[in-house]
C-alpha atoms as a PDB file:
ATOM      1  CA  MET A   1      23.309 -39.661 -24.953  1.00  0.00           C
ATOM      2  CA  LYS A   2      20.671 -39.769 -22.303  1.00  0.00           C
ATOM      3  CA  LYS A   3      17.963 -37.457 -22.071  1.00  0.00           C
ATOM      4  CA  ASN A   4      17.030 -35.580 -18.477  1.00  0.00           C
ATOM      5  CA  ILE A   5      13.777 -36.312 -16.600  1.00  0.00           C
ATOM      6  CA  ALA A   6      12.256 -35.026 -13.931  1.00  0.00           C
ATOM      7  CA  VAL A   7       9.350 -36.955 -11.800  1.00  0.00           C
ATOM      8  CA  VAL A   8       6.302 -35.177  -9.806  1.00  0.00           C
ATOM      9  CA  GLY A   9       4.437 -37.985  -8.216  1.00  0.00           C
ATOM     10  CA  SER A  10       3.816 -39.501  -4.807  1.00  0.00           C
ATOM     11  CA  GLY A  11       2.796 -42.531  -3.031  1.00  0.00           C
ATOM     12  CA  VAL A  12       2.579 -45.729  -4.236  1.00  0.00           C
ATOM     13  CA  LEU A  13       2.975 -44.056  -8.129  1.00  0.00           C
ATOM     14  CA  ARG A  14       6.635 -43.814  -7.803  1.00  0.00           C
ATOM     15  CA  SER A  15       7.810 -46.942  -8.603  1.00  0.00           C
ATOM     16  CA  LEU A  16       5.570 -47.122 -11.499  1.00  0.00           C
ATOM     17  CA  MET A  17       6.480 -44.532 -13.027  1.00  0.00           C
ATOM     18  CA  PHE A  18       9.844 -45.743 -13.635  1.00  0.00           C
ATOM     19  CA  GLU A  19       8.829 -49.145 -14.505  1.00  0.00           C
ATOM     20  CA  SER A  20       5.810 -47.931 -16.966  1.00  0.00           C
ATOM     21  CA  TYR A  21       7.980 -45.256 -19.509  1.00  0.00           C
ATOM     22  CA  PRO A  22       9.110 -47.464 -22.393  1.00  0.00           C
ATOM     23  CA  ASP A  23      12.392 -46.534 -23.123  1.00  0.00           C
ATOM     24  CA  LYS A  24      14.074 -45.858 -19.934  1.00  0.00           C
ATOM     25  CA  LYS A  25      17.416 -47.110 -20.293  1.00  0.00           C
ATOM     26  CA  HIS A  26      17.958 -43.645 -22.351  1.00  0.00           C
ATOM     27  CA  LEU A  27      16.860 -41.305 -19.189  1.00  0.00           C
ATOM     28  CA  GLN A  28      18.277 -39.764 -16.646  1.00  0.00           C
ATOM     29  CA  VAL A  29      16.007 -38.734 -13.950  1.00  0.00           C
ATOM     30  CA  LYS A  30      17.579 -35.747 -12.481  1.00  0.00           C
ATOM     31  CA  LYS A  31      14.815 -34.555 -10.343  1.00  0.00           C
ATOM     32  CA  PHE A  32      12.283 -36.184  -8.171  1.00  0.00           C
ATOM     33  CA  PHE A  33       9.587 -33.714  -7.014  1.00  0.00           C
ATOM     34  CA  THR A  34       7.545 -34.193  -3.164  1.00  0.00           C
ATOM     35  CA  GLY A  35       5.456 -32.279  -1.291  1.00  0.00           C
ATOM     36  CA  ASP A  36       6.386 -33.796   1.699  1.00  0.00           C
ATOM     37  CA  GLU A  37       9.467 -32.934   3.114  1.00  0.00           C
ATOM     38  CA  LYS A  38       9.618 -35.378   5.594  1.00  0.00           C
ATOM     39  CA  GLN A  39       9.575 -38.887   3.603  1.00  0.00           C
ATOM     40  CA  SER A  40      10.145 -38.920  -0.387  1.00  0.00           C
ATOM     41  CA  GLY A  41       9.781 -42.754  -0.463  1.00  0.00           C
ATOM     42  CA  ILE A  42      12.771 -43.355  -3.348  1.00  0.00           C
ATOM     43  CA  ASP A  43      15.611 -45.532  -2.786  1.00  0.00           C
ATOM     44  CA  GLY A  44      18.472 -43.454  -2.882  1.00  0.00           C
ATOM     45  CA  ASN A  45      20.678 -46.150  -3.443  1.00  0.00           C
ATOM     46  CA  GLN A  46      18.793 -47.162  -6.871  1.00  0.00           C
ATOM     47  CA  PHE A  47      18.960 -43.704  -7.781  1.00  0.00           C
ATOM     48  CA  PRO A  48      22.228 -42.374  -6.109  1.00  0.00           C
ATOM     49  CA  ASP A  49      22.722 -39.095  -8.988  1.00  0.00           C
ATOM     50  CA  LEU A  50      18.694 -38.272  -7.777  1.00  0.00           C
ATOM     51  CA  GLU A  51      17.715 -34.789  -6.458  1.00  0.00           C
ATOM     52  CA  ILE A  52      14.438 -34.713  -4.029  1.00  0.00           C
ATOM     53  CA  VAL A  53      12.681 -31.161  -4.347  1.00  0.00           C
ATOM     54  CA  HIS A  54       9.927 -30.027  -2.828  1.00  0.00           C
ATOM     55  CA  ASP A  55       9.225 -26.662  -4.284  1.00  0.00           C
ATOM     56  CA  ILE A  56       8.129 -27.351  -8.236  1.00  0.00           C
ATOM     57  CA  ARG A  57      10.056 -24.166  -9.412  1.00  0.00           C
ATOM     58  CA  ALA A  58      12.971 -26.292  -8.947  1.00  0.00           C
ATOM     59  CA  ILE A  59      11.472 -29.003 -12.191  1.00  0.00           C
ATOM     60  CA  ILE A  60      10.164 -26.198 -14.100  1.00  0.00           C
ATOM     61  CA  GLU A  61      13.123 -23.538 -13.848  1.00  0.00           C
ATOM     62  CA  ASP A  62      15.700 -26.377 -14.721  1.00  0.00           C
ATOM     63  CA  GLU A  63      16.559 -26.032 -18.253  1.00  0.00           C
ATOM     64  CA  ALA A  64      18.376 -29.300 -18.284  1.00  0.00           C
ATOM     65  CA  ILE A  65      14.798 -31.342 -18.058  1.00  0.00           C
ATOM     66  CA  ASP A  66      13.305 -31.567 -20.845  1.00  0.00           C
ATOM     67  CA  THR A  67      10.649 -34.437 -19.515  1.00  0.00           C
ATOM     68  CA  VAL A  68       8.514 -34.504 -16.929  1.00  0.00           C
ATOM     69  CA  LEU A  69       7.092 -37.656 -15.792  1.00  0.00           C
ATOM     70  CA  VAL A  70       3.669 -36.407 -13.827  1.00  0.00           C
ATOM     71  CA  CYS A  71       1.377 -38.765 -11.444  1.00  0.00           C
ATOM     72  CA  GLN A  72      -2.670 -38.475 -11.780  1.00  0.00           C
ATOM     73  CA  ARG A  73      -2.284 -37.080  -7.988  1.00  0.00           C
ATOM     74  CA  GLN A  74      -0.190 -34.385  -8.992  1.00  0.00           C
ATOM     75  CA  LEU A  75      -1.647 -32.995 -12.432  1.00  0.00           C
ATOM     76  CA  LYS A  76      -2.395 -29.300 -10.831  1.00  0.00           C
ATOM     77  CA  PHE A  77       1.237 -28.852 -11.820  1.00  0.00           C
ATOM     78  CA  ALA A  78       1.488 -29.992 -15.538  1.00  0.00           C
ATOM     79  CA  GLY A  79       0.312 -26.732 -16.843  1.00  0.00           C
ATOM     80  CA  GLN A  80       2.661 -24.735 -15.533  1.00  0.00           C
ATOM     81  CA  ILE A  81       5.237 -27.779 -16.516  1.00  0.00           C
ATOM     82  CA  MET A  82       4.386 -27.463 -19.975  1.00  0.00           C
ATOM     83  CA  SER A  83       3.911 -23.087 -20.188  1.00  0.00           C
ATOM     84  CA  ALA A  84       7.754 -23.907 -19.265  1.00  0.00           C
ATOM     85  CA  GLY A  85       8.178 -25.485 -22.726  1.00  0.00           C
ATOM     86  CA  LYS A  86       8.573 -28.786 -21.570  1.00  0.00           C
ATOM     87  CA  MET A  87       7.146 -32.138 -22.008  1.00  0.00           C
ATOM     88  CA  VAL A  88       4.778 -33.653 -19.542  1.00  0.00           C
ATOM     89  CA  ARG A  89       3.818 -37.683 -19.554  1.00  0.00           C
ATOM     90  CA  ILE A  90       1.040 -38.518 -17.074  1.00  0.00           C
ATOM     91  CA  VAL A  91       1.224 -41.679 -15.786  1.00  0.00           C
END
């Protein structure tokens, strides 16, 4: 069974996050947060089921997500995510 995860990231780090997670074949990337509504930088063909969200609450309130990859530029969200009972991995 795959684990549902979300990604909170920006810039070039987006692709590195997916490459850096050690057991990604067992992961389903469910949501991706970007603060920029104009451009996500994610290839829809690579992640066809990925939901791009612009409000961090969409990840925090999603009970199906238990792990969130957070890039260093978005550390300000890590506390909120952990307070919601989700595991945070900083990449």
